[in-house]
Amino acid sequence: MFNIGDKVAALDEDISGVVVSIKNNEVEVETTDGFLMTYFVKELIKTNITSELSSFISTDKLYKAIQEKTEPTKRSFVKEKKSRKDDFVLEVDLHIEKLVPSKRGMNNYDILNLQMETAKRQLEFAIKNKMPKVVFIHGVGEGVLKAELDFLLGRYENLKFQDADYQKYGLGATEVYFIQKKLL
């Protein structure tokens, strides 16, 4: 499956390099940083497989893709009006390291209280300033802070909350939308 000189990457780590030797199921890789690391065959993937992929691409699909790129597309000159306020999203990082210079002398109860007071204060600020959305970054951890945050948000009316965008924040954030009442 692997040959000496193949460019490979580790599946569970951000490490890539070149295959130096192969012994049974173990592959020795020289990383881009110059270190020698040993992996099992199932932990690696080839990264220089473009020649193998070229047989799967048909020439008409390739020709159509090139033609689509070269054909000029018509531009739309309709400009949408967007408020700068709609672009702004208040992001509140509730990690204790971001809230205090040192957590020395604080127990878990004190830390959680500080995080919840910060969340409540920022939530009130967002409501008062009619912000459309707030993102609370709480991290994954054991889920205690997320559970407390969900409980806090559940006590407010006129807001919805859900897990934030996974691509941007991962699993450790909650997005809050405020439902603005329209005056007639």
N, C-alpha and C. Protein backbone atom coordinates (compact mmCIF):
# COMPACT_ATOMS: atom_id res chain seq x y z
N MET A 1 0.82 -1.19 0.00
CA MET A 1 0.00 0.00 0.00
C MET A 1 0.87 1.26 0.00
N PHE A 2 1.90 1.32 0.83
CA PHE A 2 2.81 2.45 0.87
C PHE A 2 4.16 2.04 0.30
N ASN A 3 4.84 3.00 -0.31
CA ASN A 3 6.19 2.78 -0.83
C ASN A 3 7.10 3.84 -0.23
N ILE A 4 8.37 3.53 -0.18
CA ILE A 4 9.34 4.49 0.34
C ILE A 4 9.34 5.70 -0.59
N GLY A 5 9.24 6.88 -0.01
CA GLY A 5 9.19 8.12 -0.78
C GLY A 5 7.79 8.69 -0.94
N ASP A 6 6.74 7.90 -0.57
CA ASP A 6 5.37 8.41 -0.65
C ASP A 6 5.16 9.53 0.36
N LYS A 7 4.42 10.53 -0.05
CA LYS A 7 4.03 11.59 0.88
C LYS A 7 2.78 11.11 1.59
N VAL A 8 2.79 11.19 2.94
CA VAL A 8 1.68 10.70 3.74
C VAL A 8 1.32 11.72 4.81
N ALA A 9 0.12 11.53 5.37
CA ALA A 9 -0.34 12.35 6.49
C ALA A 9 -0.98 11.43 7.51
N ALA A 10 -0.84 11.79 8.79
CA ALA A 10 -1.46 11.01 9.86
C ALA A 10 -2.93 11.36 9.93
N LEU A 11 -3.77 10.37 10.20
CA LEU A 11 -5.21 10.60 10.23
C LEU A 11 -5.65 11.39 11.45
N ASP A 12 -5.12 11.09 12.63
CA ASP A 12 -5.59 11.71 13.86
C ASP A 12 -4.70 12.83 14.36
N GLU A 13 -3.69 13.21 13.60
CA GLU A 13 -2.77 14.27 14.02
C GLU A 13 -2.49 15.18 12.84
N ASP A 14 -2.02 16.36 13.12
CA ASP A 14 -1.66 17.31 12.08
C ASP A 14 -0.19 17.13 11.71
N ILE A 15 0.14 15.94 11.24
CA ILE A 15 1.52 15.59 10.92
C ILE A 15 1.54 15.00 9.51
N SER A 16 2.49 15.48 8.70
CA SER A 16 2.67 14.90 7.38
C SER A 16 4.16 14.74 7.13
N GLY A 17 4.49 13.93 6.15
CA GLY A 17 5.90 13.70 5.86
C GLY A 17 6.07 12.69 4.74
N VAL A 18 7.27 12.09 4.70
CA VAL A 18 7.63 11.16 3.64
C VAL A 18 7.97 9.81 4.27
N VAL A 19 7.54 8.72 3.62
CA VAL A 19 7.80 7.36 4.10
C VAL A 19 9.29 7.07 3.93
N VAL A 20 9.94 6.65 5.04
CA VAL A 20 11.36 6.35 5.04
C VAL A 20 11.59 4.85 5.00
N SER A 21 10.81 4.10 5.82
CA SER A 21 10.95 2.64 5.82
C SER A 21 9.62 1.99 6.18
N ILE A 22 9.49 0.72 5.79
CA ILE A 22 8.27 -0.03 6.05
C ILE A 22 8.67 -1.38 6.63
N LYS A 23 8.15 -1.72 7.82
CA LYS A 23 8.42 -3.00 8.46
C LYS A 23 7.09 -3.58 8.92
N ASN A 24 6.67 -4.69 8.33
CA ASN A 24 5.39 -5.32 8.64
C ASN A 24 4.26 -4.32 8.50
N ASN A 25 3.55 -4.03 9.58
CA ASN A 25 2.43 -3.08 9.55
C ASN A 25 2.84 -1.69 10.01
N GLU A 26 4.14 -1.49 10.25
CA GLU A 26 4.61 -0.21 10.77
C GLU A 26 5.35 0.56 9.68
N VAL A 27 5.05 1.86 9.63
CA VAL A 27 5.66 2.73 8.63
C VAL A 27 6.41 3.84 9.36
N GLU A 28 7.69 4.01 9.01
CA GLU A 28 8.46 5.09 9.62
C GLU A 28 8.40 6.29 8.67
N VAL A 29 8.02 7.45 9.25
CA VAL A 29 7.81 8.66 8.47
C VAL A 29 8.75 9.75 8.96
N GLU A 30 9.41 10.43 8.02
CA GLU A 30 10.17 11.62 8.36
C GLU A 30 9.24 12.80 8.16
N THR A 31 8.91 13.49 9.26
CA THR A 31 7.95 14.59 9.20
C THR A 31 8.55 15.79 8.50
N THR A 32 7.70 16.75 8.17
CA THR A 32 8.18 17.98 7.52
C THR A 32 9.09 18.76 8.44
N ASP A 33 9.01 18.48 9.75
CA ASP A 33 9.88 19.13 10.73
C ASP A 33 11.21 18.39 10.91
N GLY A 34 11.36 17.23 10.25
CA GLY A 34 12.61 16.49 10.32
C GLY A 34 12.65 15.40 11.37
N PHE A 35 11.53 15.12 12.05
CA PHE A 35 11.50 14.07 13.06
C PHE A 35 11.13 12.75 12.42
N LEU A 36 11.62 11.64 13.01
CA LEU A 36 11.23 10.30 12.57
C LEU A 36 10.15 9.78 13.50
N MET A 37 9.02 9.40 12.92
CA MET A 37 7.90 8.90 13.72
C MET A 37 7.42 7.59 13.10
N THR A 38 6.96 6.68 13.94
CA THR A 38 6.49 5.39 13.48
C THR A 38 4.97 5.31 13.65
N TYR A 39 4.28 4.86 12.61
CA TYR A 39 2.82 4.72 12.62
C TYR A 39 2.46 3.35 12.10
N PHE A 40 1.26 2.89 12.46
CA PHE A 40 0.71 1.70 11.85
C PHE A 40 0.14 2.11 10.49
N VAL A 41 0.05 1.16 9.57
CA VAL A 41 -0.43 1.44 8.22
C VAL A 41 -1.81 2.07 8.25
N LYS A 42 -2.68 1.61 9.14
CA LYS A 42 -4.06 2.12 9.18
C LYS A 42 -4.16 3.54 9.73
N GLU A 43 -3.07 4.10 10.27
CA GLU A 43 -3.08 5.45 10.81
C GLU A 43 -2.63 6.50 9.80
N LEU A 44 -2.27 6.07 8.58
CA LEU A 44 -1.73 6.99 7.58
C LEU A 44 -2.57 6.99 6.32
N ILE A 45 -2.43 8.07 5.55
CA ILE A 45 -3.09 8.18 4.26
C ILE A 45 -2.12 8.84 3.29
N LYS A 46 -2.13 8.39 2.05
CA LYS A 46 -1.26 8.98 1.03
C LYS A 46 -1.77 10.36 0.68
N THR A 47 -0.84 11.29 0.44
CA THR A 47 -1.26 12.62 0.02
C THR A 47 -0.85 12.92 -1.41
N ASN A 48 -0.04 12.10 -2.02
CA ASN A 48 0.37 12.34 -3.41
C ASN A 48 -0.29 11.32 -4.33
N ILE A 49 -1.61 11.30 -4.37
CA ILE A 49 -2.33 10.32 -5.16
C ILE A 49 -3.02 10.95 -6.36
N THR A 50 -2.52 12.09 -6.82
CA THR A 50 -3.16 12.77 -7.94
C THR A 50 -3.11 11.95 -9.22
N SER A 51 -2.03 11.19 -9.41
CA SER A 51 -1.94 10.39 -10.63
C SER A 51 -3.00 9.29 -10.63
N GLU A 52 -3.32 8.74 -9.46
CA GLU A 52 -4.35 7.72 -9.37
C GLU A 52 -5.73 8.34 -9.60
N LEU A 53 -5.93 9.57 -9.16
CA LEU A 53 -7.22 10.22 -9.31
C LEU A 53 -7.49 10.64 -10.75
N SER A 54 -6.45 10.90 -11.52
CA SER A 54 -6.65 11.39 -12.88
C SER A 54 -7.39 10.37 -13.74
N SER A 55 -7.29 9.08 -13.43
CA SER A 55 -8.00 8.07 -14.21
C SER A 55 -9.50 8.12 -13.96
N PHE A 56 -9.94 8.71 -12.86
CA PHE A 56 -11.36 8.79 -12.55
C PHE A 56 -12.04 10.00 -13.20
N ILE A 57 -11.27 10.96 -13.63
CA ILE A 57 -11.84 12.18 -14.20
C ILE A 57 -11.99 12.00 -15.70
N SER A 58 -13.22 12.13 -16.19
CA SER A 58 -13.42 11.99 -17.63
C SER A 58 -13.08 13.31 -18.31
N THR A 59 -12.67 13.23 -19.56
CA THR A 59 -12.24 14.44 -20.27
C THR A 59 -13.41 15.38 -20.55
N ASP A 60 -14.66 14.83 -20.82
CA ASP A 60 -15.76 15.76 -21.09
C ASP A 60 -16.15 16.53 -19.84
N LYS A 61 -16.09 15.89 -18.68
CA LYS A 61 -16.40 16.61 -17.45
C LYS A 61 -15.36 17.70 -17.21
N LEU A 62 -14.12 17.37 -17.49
CA LEU A 62 -13.04 18.34 -17.33
C LEU A 62 -13.23 19.49 -18.32
N TYR A 63 -13.58 19.18 -19.57
CA TYR A 63 -13.81 20.21 -20.60
C TYR A 63 -14.97 21.12 -20.19
N LYS A 64 -16.08 20.53 -19.70
CA LYS A 64 -17.24 21.33 -19.27
C LYS A 64 -16.87 22.25 -18.12
N ALA A 65 -16.09 21.74 -17.18
CA ALA A 65 -15.70 22.55 -16.03
C ALA A 65 -14.83 23.72 -16.47
N ILE A 66 -13.91 23.48 -17.40
CA ILE A 66 -13.05 24.56 -17.90
C ILE A 66 -13.88 25.59 -18.65
N GLN A 67 -14.84 25.11 -19.46
CA GLN A 67 -15.68 26.02 -20.23
C GLN A 67 -16.55 26.87 -19.31
N GLU A 68 -17.08 26.29 -18.23
CA GLU A 68 -17.87 27.06 -17.28
C GLU A 68 -17.04 28.17 -16.65
N LYS A 69 -15.78 27.87 -16.39
CA LYS A 69 -14.90 28.87 -15.79
C LYS A 69 -14.58 30.00 -16.76
N THR A 70 -14.47 29.69 -18.06
CA THR A 70 -14.07 30.71 -19.03
C THR A 70 -15.24 31.55 -19.53
N GLU A 71 -16.48 31.01 -19.49
CA GLU A 71 -17.64 31.78 -19.95
C GLU A 71 -17.91 32.90 -18.96
N PRO A 72 -18.04 34.12 -19.46
CA PRO A 72 -18.31 35.23 -18.54
C PRO A 72 -19.72 35.12 -17.96
N THR A 73 -19.82 35.40 -16.71
CA THR A 73 -21.12 35.36 -16.05
C THR A 73 -21.66 36.78 -15.97
N LYS A 74 -22.97 36.91 -16.12
CA LYS A 74 -23.60 38.22 -16.05
C LYS A 74 -23.61 38.70 -14.62
N ARG A 75 -23.25 39.97 -14.47
CA ARG A 75 -23.21 40.54 -13.13
C ARG A 75 -24.51 41.23 -12.81
N SER A 76 -24.90 41.13 -11.59
CA SER A 76 -26.09 41.82 -11.12
C SER A 76 -25.66 43.11 -10.45
N PHE A 77 -26.33 44.20 -10.81
CA PHE A 77 -25.98 45.49 -10.25
C PHE A 77 -26.97 45.96 -9.20
N VAL A 78 -27.81 45.05 -8.72
CA VAL A 78 -28.76 45.40 -7.67
C VAL A 78 -28.03 45.33 -6.34
N LYS A 79 -27.98 46.43 -5.65
CA LYS A 79 -27.26 46.49 -4.39
C LYS A 79 -28.26 46.39 -3.24
N GLU A 80 -28.01 45.45 -2.36
CA GLU A 80 -28.88 45.30 -1.20
C GLU A 80 -28.41 46.22 -0.10
N LYS A 81 -29.35 46.83 0.56
CA LYS A 81 -29.02 47.67 1.70
C LYS A 81 -28.93 46.78 2.92
N LYS A 82 -27.79 46.85 3.59
CA LYS A 82 -27.63 46.08 4.81
C LYS A 82 -27.14 47.00 5.90
N SER A 83 -27.69 46.83 7.04
CA SER A 83 -27.29 47.64 8.17
C SER A 83 -25.98 47.08 8.74
N ARG A 84 -25.12 47.96 9.21
CA ARG A 84 -23.87 47.50 9.84
C ARG A 84 -24.20 46.76 11.13
N LYS A 85 -25.31 47.10 11.74
CA LYS A 85 -25.70 46.46 12.99
C LYS A 85 -25.98 44.97 12.77
N ASP A 86 -26.51 44.63 11.57
CA ASP A 86 -26.80 43.22 11.28
C ASP A 86 -25.53 42.39 11.13
N ASP A 87 -24.42 43.03 10.72
CA ASP A 87 -23.17 42.31 10.55
C ASP A 87 -22.49 42.02 11.89
N PHE A 88 -22.73 42.84 12.89
CA PHE A 88 -22.04 42.71 14.16
C PHE A 88 -22.62 41.58 14.99
N VAL A 89 -21.76 40.72 15.50
CA VAL A 89 -22.18 39.65 16.39
C VAL A 89 -21.33 39.76 17.65
N LEU A 90 -21.98 39.86 18.78
CA LEU A 90 -21.27 39.92 20.05
C LEU A 90 -20.85 38.50 20.42
N GLU A 91 -19.54 38.28 20.51
CA GLU A 91 -19.00 36.99 20.92
C GLU A 91 -18.48 37.12 22.34
N VAL A 92 -18.99 36.29 23.23
CA VAL A 92 -18.59 36.34 24.63
C VAL A 92 -17.90 35.02 24.96
N ASP A 93 -16.58 35.08 25.22
CA ASP A 93 -15.81 33.89 25.57
C ASP A 93 -15.88 33.72 27.08
N LEU A 94 -16.51 32.64 27.53
CA LEU A 94 -16.71 32.39 28.95
C LEU A 94 -15.61 31.53 29.57
N HIS A 95 -14.56 31.23 28.84
CA HIS A 95 -13.44 30.49 29.44
C HIS A 95 -12.86 31.35 30.56
N ILE A 96 -12.59 30.74 31.69
CA ILE A 96 -12.15 31.49 32.87
C ILE A 96 -10.83 32.22 32.61
N GLU A 97 -9.99 31.67 31.75
CA GLU A 97 -8.71 32.32 31.44
C GLU A 97 -8.92 33.66 30.74
N LYS A 98 -10.06 33.82 30.06
CA LYS A 98 -10.37 35.07 29.36
C LYS A 98 -11.02 36.09 30.29
N LEU A 99 -11.52 35.63 31.44
CA LEU A 99 -12.26 36.52 32.33
C LEU A 99 -11.42 37.10 33.46
N VAL A 100 -10.45 36.34 33.94
CA VAL A 100 -9.60 36.81 35.04
C VAL A 100 -8.14 36.53 34.72
N PRO A 101 -7.23 37.35 35.24
CA PRO A 101 -5.81 37.11 34.96
C PRO A 101 -5.29 35.81 35.57
N SER A 102 -5.83 35.43 36.74
CA SER A 102 -5.40 34.19 37.38
C SER A 102 -6.58 33.61 38.15
N LYS A 103 -6.77 32.32 38.04
CA LYS A 103 -7.87 31.67 38.78
C LYS A 103 -7.39 31.09 40.10
N ARG A 104 -6.20 31.46 40.50
CA ARG A 104 -5.64 30.98 41.76
C ARG A 104 -6.57 31.39 42.91
N GLY A 105 -6.85 30.46 43.78
CA GLY A 105 -7.71 30.72 44.93
C GLY A 105 -9.19 30.56 44.64
N MET A 106 -9.55 30.27 43.39
CA MET A 106 -10.97 30.09 43.03
C MET A 106 -11.29 28.60 42.95
N ASN A 107 -12.40 28.22 43.56
CA ASN A 107 -12.84 26.84 43.40
C ASN A 107 -13.82 26.77 42.23
N ASN A 108 -14.28 25.58 41.90
CA ASN A 108 -15.16 25.41 40.74
C ASN A 108 -16.45 26.21 40.87
N TYR A 109 -16.98 26.31 42.08
CA TYR A 109 -18.20 27.08 42.32
C TYR A 109 -17.98 28.56 42.00
N ASP A 110 -16.85 29.12 42.46
CA ASP A 110 -16.53 30.52 42.20
C ASP A 110 -16.36 30.77 40.70
N ILE A 111 -15.70 29.85 40.04
CA ILE A 111 -15.46 29.99 38.60
C ILE A 111 -16.79 30.00 37.85
N LEU A 112 -17.65 29.03 38.17
CA LEU A 112 -18.95 28.94 37.49
C LEU A 112 -19.80 30.18 37.77
N ASN A 113 -19.77 30.67 39.00
CA ASN A 113 -20.53 31.89 39.33
C ASN A 113 -20.05 33.08 38.51
N LEU A 114 -18.75 33.25 38.40
CA LEU A 114 -18.20 34.36 37.62
C LEU A 114 -18.59 34.23 36.14
N GLN A 115 -18.52 33.01 35.61
CA GLN A 115 -18.88 32.79 34.21
C GLN A 115 -20.36 33.10 33.97
N MET A 116 -21.23 32.69 34.90
CA MET A 116 -22.66 32.94 34.73
C MET A 116 -23.01 34.41 34.92
N GLU A 117 -22.33 35.09 35.85
CA GLU A 117 -22.56 36.53 36.01
C GLU A 117 -22.15 37.28 34.75
N THR A 118 -21.02 36.88 34.17
CA THR A 118 -20.56 37.50 32.92
C THR A 118 -21.57 37.26 31.81
N ALA A 119 -22.07 36.04 31.69
CA ALA A 119 -23.05 35.72 30.65
C ALA A 119 -24.31 36.54 30.83
N LYS A 120 -24.79 36.65 32.07
CA LYS A 120 -26.03 37.40 32.33
C LYS A 120 -25.82 38.89 32.02
N ARG A 121 -24.67 39.44 32.44
CA ARG A 121 -24.38 40.85 32.19
C ARG A 121 -24.30 41.14 30.69
N GLN A 122 -23.64 40.27 29.93
CA GLN A 122 -23.52 40.47 28.48
C GLN A 122 -24.86 40.28 27.77
N LEU A 123 -25.68 39.37 28.28
CA LEU A 123 -27.01 39.14 27.72
C LEU A 123 -27.88 40.38 27.92
N GLU A 124 -27.85 40.95 29.11
CA GLU A 124 -28.61 42.18 29.40
C GLU A 124 -28.11 43.33 28.52
N PHE A 125 -26.79 43.42 28.33
CA PHE A 125 -26.21 44.45 27.48
C PHE A 125 -26.73 44.32 26.04
N ALA A 126 -26.77 43.08 25.53
CA ALA A 126 -27.23 42.84 24.16
C ALA A 126 -28.72 43.18 24.01
N ILE A 127 -29.51 42.85 25.02
CA ILE A 127 -30.95 43.15 24.98
C ILE A 127 -31.15 44.67 25.00
N LYS A 128 -30.42 45.34 25.89
CA LYS A 128 -30.56 46.79 26.03
C LYS A 128 -30.17 47.51 24.74
N ASN A 129 -29.15 47.02 24.04
CA ASN A 129 -28.67 47.66 22.82
C ASN A 129 -29.29 47.07 21.55
N LYS A 130 -30.32 46.26 21.71
CA LYS A 130 -31.08 45.68 20.59
C LYS A 130 -30.19 44.98 19.56
N MET A 131 -29.25 44.19 20.05
CA MET A 131 -28.39 43.41 19.16
C MET A 131 -29.18 42.21 18.66
N PRO A 132 -28.99 41.84 17.40
CA PRO A 132 -29.78 40.72 16.87
C PRO A 132 -29.31 39.35 17.35
N LYS A 133 -28.01 39.25 17.71
CA LYS A 133 -27.48 37.92 18.00
C LYS A 133 -26.28 38.02 18.93
N VAL A 134 -26.11 37.02 19.81
CA VAL A 134 -24.95 36.90 20.70
C VAL A 134 -24.48 35.45 20.64
N VAL A 135 -23.16 35.26 20.65
CA VAL A 135 -22.59 33.90 20.69
C VAL A 135 -21.80 33.77 21.99
N PHE A 136 -22.18 32.78 22.80
CA PHE A 136 -21.46 32.48 24.04
C PHE A 136 -20.55 31.29 23.76
N ILE A 137 -19.25 31.50 23.94
CA ILE A 137 -18.27 30.43 23.74
C ILE A 137 -18.00 29.83 25.12
N HIS A 138 -18.45 28.59 25.31
CA HIS A 138 -18.33 27.95 26.62
C HIS A 138 -17.39 26.76 26.63
N GLY A 139 -16.99 26.28 25.47
CA GLY A 139 -16.12 25.11 25.41
C GLY A 139 -16.92 23.82 25.56
N VAL A 140 -16.26 22.69 25.40
CA VAL A 140 -16.95 21.41 25.46
C VAL A 140 -16.94 20.90 26.90
N GLY A 141 -15.80 20.59 27.45
CA GLY A 141 -15.67 20.16 28.85
C GLY A 141 -16.65 19.09 29.25
N GLU A 142 -17.12 19.18 30.49
CA GLU A 142 -18.07 18.20 31.01
C GLU A 142 -19.52 18.65 30.79
N GLY A 143 -19.74 19.85 30.29
CA GLY A 143 -21.08 20.32 29.96
C GLY A 143 -21.79 21.05 31.08
N VAL A 144 -21.11 21.32 32.19
CA VAL A 144 -21.74 22.00 33.33
C VAL A 144 -22.07 23.44 32.95
N LEU A 145 -21.12 24.16 32.38
CA LEU A 145 -21.34 25.55 32.00
C LEU A 145 -22.43 25.65 30.93
N LYS A 146 -22.42 24.75 29.96
CA LYS A 146 -23.45 24.77 28.91
C LYS A 146 -24.83 24.53 29.52
N ALA A 147 -24.93 23.60 30.46
CA ALA A 147 -26.22 23.32 31.09
C ALA A 147 -26.70 24.54 31.87
N GLU A 148 -25.82 25.18 32.60
CA GLU A 148 -26.20 26.38 33.36
C GLU A 148 -26.60 27.52 32.42
N LEU A 149 -25.88 27.65 31.30
CA LEU A 149 -26.19 28.69 30.32
C LEU A 149 -27.55 28.42 29.69
N ASP A 150 -27.84 27.17 29.36
CA ASP A 150 -29.15 26.81 28.81
C ASP A 150 -30.27 27.13 29.81
N PHE A 151 -30.02 26.86 31.09
CA PHE A 151 -31.01 27.16 32.12
C PHE A 151 -31.25 28.67 32.20
N LEU A 152 -30.16 29.45 32.18
CA LEU A 152 -30.28 30.91 32.22
C LEU A 152 -31.06 31.43 31.02
N LEU A 153 -30.72 30.97 29.83
CA LEU A 153 -31.38 31.44 28.61
C LEU A 153 -32.84 31.03 28.57
N GLY A 154 -33.17 29.90 29.16
CA GLY A 154 -34.55 29.43 29.20
C GLY A 154 -35.45 30.31 30.05
N ARG A 155 -34.88 31.12 30.93
CA ARG A 155 -35.67 32.01 31.79
C ARG A 155 -36.04 33.31 31.09
N TYR A 156 -35.48 33.58 29.92
CA TYR A 156 -35.77 34.81 29.18
C TYR A 156 -36.83 34.55 28.12
N GLU A 157 -37.69 35.54 27.93
CA GLU A 157 -38.65 35.48 26.84
C GLU A 157 -38.07 36.24 25.66
N ASN A 158 -38.64 36.06 24.50
CA ASN A 158 -38.25 36.77 23.28
C ASN A 158 -36.82 36.47 22.83
N LEU A 159 -36.36 35.26 23.07
CA LEU A 159 -35.09 34.85 22.51
C LEU A 159 -35.12 33.37 22.19
N LYS A 160 -34.33 33.01 21.19
CA LYS A 160 -34.14 31.60 20.82
C LYS A 160 -32.66 31.31 20.94
N PHE A 161 -32.31 30.08 21.29
CA PHE A 161 -30.90 29.72 21.35
C PHE A 161 -30.70 28.32 20.82
N GLN A 162 -29.50 28.12 20.27
CA GLN A 162 -29.14 26.83 19.67
C GLN A 162 -27.63 26.72 19.64
N ASP A 163 -27.13 25.54 19.28
CA ASP A 163 -25.68 25.38 19.13
C ASP A 163 -25.22 26.30 18.01
N ALA A 164 -24.08 26.95 18.20
CA ALA A 164 -23.55 27.88 17.20
C ALA A 164 -22.98 27.11 16.02
N ASP A 165 -22.62 27.85 14.98
CA ASP A 165 -22.07 27.30 13.75
C ASP A 165 -20.89 26.38 14.05
N TYR A 166 -21.02 25.11 13.68
CA TYR A 166 -19.99 24.12 13.99
C TYR A 166 -18.68 24.43 13.30
N GLN A 167 -18.74 24.89 12.04
CA GLN A 167 -17.51 25.16 11.29
C GLN A 167 -16.71 26.29 11.93
N LYS A 168 -17.38 27.25 12.53
CA LYS A 168 -16.67 28.39 13.10
C LYS A 168 -16.28 28.15 14.56
N TYR A 169 -17.17 27.54 15.35
CA TYR A 169 -16.96 27.44 16.79
C TYR A 169 -16.77 26.01 17.30
N GLY A 170 -17.01 25.00 16.47
CA GLY A 170 -16.96 23.64 16.97
C GLY A 170 -18.19 23.35 17.81
N LEU A 171 -18.06 22.46 18.78
CA LEU A 171 -19.20 22.08 19.61
C LEU A 171 -19.35 22.95 20.85
N GLY A 172 -18.42 23.85 21.09
CA GLY A 172 -18.39 24.57 22.36
C GLY A 172 -18.94 25.96 22.35
N ALA A 173 -20.06 26.22 21.64
CA ALA A 173 -20.63 27.56 21.64
C ALA A 173 -22.14 27.49 21.47
N THR A 174 -22.81 28.49 22.01
CA THR A 174 -24.27 28.61 21.91
C THR A 174 -24.60 29.96 21.30
N GLU A 175 -25.51 29.94 20.33
CA GLU A 175 -25.92 31.14 19.61
C GLU A 175 -27.28 31.57 20.12
N VAL A 176 -27.43 32.85 20.42
CA VAL A 176 -28.69 33.38 20.95
C VAL A 176 -29.23 34.42 19.97
N TYR A 177 -30.49 34.26 19.56
CA TYR A 177 -31.17 35.22 18.68
C TYR A 177 -32.25 35.91 19.48
N PHE A 178 -32.34 37.21 19.32
CA PHE A 178 -33.36 37.98 20.02
C PHE A 178 -34.52 38.21 19.07
N ILE A 179 -35.71 37.96 19.56
CA ILE A 179 -36.91 38.18 18.78
C ILE A 179 -37.37 39.61 19.07
N GLN A 180 -37.20 40.49 18.09
CA GLN A 180 -37.56 41.89 18.27
C GLN A 180 -39.04 42.07 18.01
N LYS A 181 -39.70 42.73 18.92
CA LYS A 181 -41.13 43.03 18.72
C LYS A 181 -41.24 44.25 17.82
N LYS A 182 -42.12 44.15 16.83
CA LYS A 182 -42.30 45.25 15.90
C LYS A 182 -43.45 46.13 16.39
N LEU A 183 -43.19 47.40 16.39
CA LEU A 183 -44.22 48.35 16.80
C LEU A 183 -45.09 48.72 15.60
N LEU A 184 -46.40 48.70 15.79
CA LEU A 184 -47.30 49.04 14.68
C LEU A 184 -47.84 50.42 14.83
